[in-house]
Amino acid sequence: MSDHVVPHFHNDAGVPIIEIGSKEFMCVGANPPFDHPHVFLDLGNDNEIICPYCSTLYRLATDLGPGEARPPECVLHDQVA
């Protein structure tokens, strides 16, 4: 069993860029029930990645902690285990 949970982010606000503090995460598009398939994204050696489903640009922000986002309302808090 994993000792951590992969953070999930959404873009209900429709912002063009979401800054995040995690290199690995899930994009869900919008909040359920309007979400797209939950896609695992890994920045690898890059600092930006675009979700292939909703075209949200995610950018690494080193001043944010793991699982944090800017804007903060883009963090999905109600995750199902």
Protein backbone atom coordinates (compact mmCIF):
# COMPACT_ATOMS: atom_id res chain seq x y z
CA MET A 1 0.00 0.00 0.00
CA SER A 2 1.28 3.45 -0.86
CA ASP A 3 2.27 5.78 1.96
CA HIS A 4 1.11 8.86 0.05
CA VAL A 5 -1.79 9.96 -2.11
CA VAL A 6 -1.30 11.45 -5.56
CA PRO A 7 -2.77 14.97 -5.47
CA HIS A 8 -5.78 15.69 -7.69
CA PHE A 9 -6.46 19.04 -9.31
CA HIS A 10 -9.45 20.45 -11.21
CA ASN A 11 -10.11 23.55 -13.28
CA ASP A 12 -13.72 24.51 -12.56
CA ALA A 13 -12.63 28.16 -12.60
CA GLY A 14 -11.40 27.86 -16.18
CA VAL A 15 -8.05 29.50 -15.43
CA PRO A 16 -5.42 29.23 -18.18
CA ILE A 17 -2.59 28.16 -15.81
CA ILE A 18 -2.60 26.26 -12.53
CA GLU A 19 0.61 26.41 -10.53
CA ILE A 20 1.25 23.30 -8.46
CA GLY A 21 3.77 22.04 -5.93
CA SER A 22 3.80 18.41 -7.14
CA LYS A 23 5.72 16.80 -10.00
CA GLU A 24 3.22 13.91 -10.19
CA PHE A 25 -0.53 14.47 -9.98
CA MET A 26 -3.96 13.73 -11.43
CA CYS A 27 -6.04 16.13 -13.50
CA VAL A 28 -9.79 15.56 -13.30
CA GLY A 29 -10.89 18.48 -15.50
CA ALA A 30 -13.89 19.84 -13.63
CA ASN A 31 -15.35 18.77 -10.31
CA PRO A 32 -17.40 15.56 -10.50
CA PRO A 33 -19.84 14.80 -12.02
CA PHE A 34 -18.49 16.98 -14.85
CA ASP A 35 -14.98 15.55 -14.70
CA HIS A 36 -13.05 13.97 -17.56
CA PRO A 37 -11.17 10.67 -17.14
CA HIS A 38 -8.72 11.16 -14.29
CA VAL A 39 -5.37 11.31 -16.04
CA PHE A 40 -2.03 10.83 -14.28
CA LEU A 41 0.49 13.48 -15.29
CA ASP A 42 4.21 13.44 -14.52
CA LEU A 43 6.33 16.54 -15.11
CA GLY A 44 9.51 14.47 -15.23
CA ASN A 45 12.35 16.94 -15.97
CA ASP A 46 9.94 19.60 -17.23
CA ASN A 47 8.33 22.46 -15.32
CA GLU A 48 5.09 22.56 -17.35
CA ILE A 49 2.63 20.08 -18.81
CA ILE A 50 -0.70 20.38 -20.62
CA CYS A 51 -3.56 18.03 -19.77
CA PRO A 52 -4.45 16.12 -22.96
CA TYR A 53 -8.16 16.16 -22.05
CA CYS A 54 -8.93 19.70 -20.90
CA SER A 55 -5.84 21.59 -22.15
CA THR A 56 -5.14 23.08 -18.73
CA LEU A 57 -1.51 24.17 -18.42
CA TYR A 58 0.07 23.03 -15.16
CA ARG A 59 3.26 24.77 -14.04
CA LEU A 60 5.55 23.72 -11.18
CA ALA A 61 5.88 26.38 -8.47
CA THR A 62 8.67 25.51 -6.04
CA ASP A 63 7.24 27.80 -3.36
CA LEU A 64 4.15 25.56 -3.08
CA GLY A 65 4.09 22.38 -1.04
CA PRO A 66 3.10 18.96 -2.41
CA GLY A 67 -0.63 18.93 -3.13
CA GLU A 68 -0.95 22.72 -3.08
CA ALA A 69 -2.07 24.84 -6.02
CA ARG A 70 -2.40 28.43 -7.09
CA PRO A 71 -5.26 29.24 -7.26
CA PRO A 72 -5.89 27.13 -4.14
CA GLU A 73 -9.49 26.30 -5.10
CA CYS A 74 -8.10 24.06 -7.89
CA VAL A 75 -7.13 21.35 -5.35
CA LEU A 76 -9.65 18.49 -5.31
CA HIS A 77 -10.22 17.70 -1.64
CA ASP A 78 -12.95 15.04 -1.84
CA GLN A 79 -10.89 12.16 -3.20
CA VAL A 80 -12.25 8.64 -3.19
CA ALA A 81 -9.74 6.06 -1.97
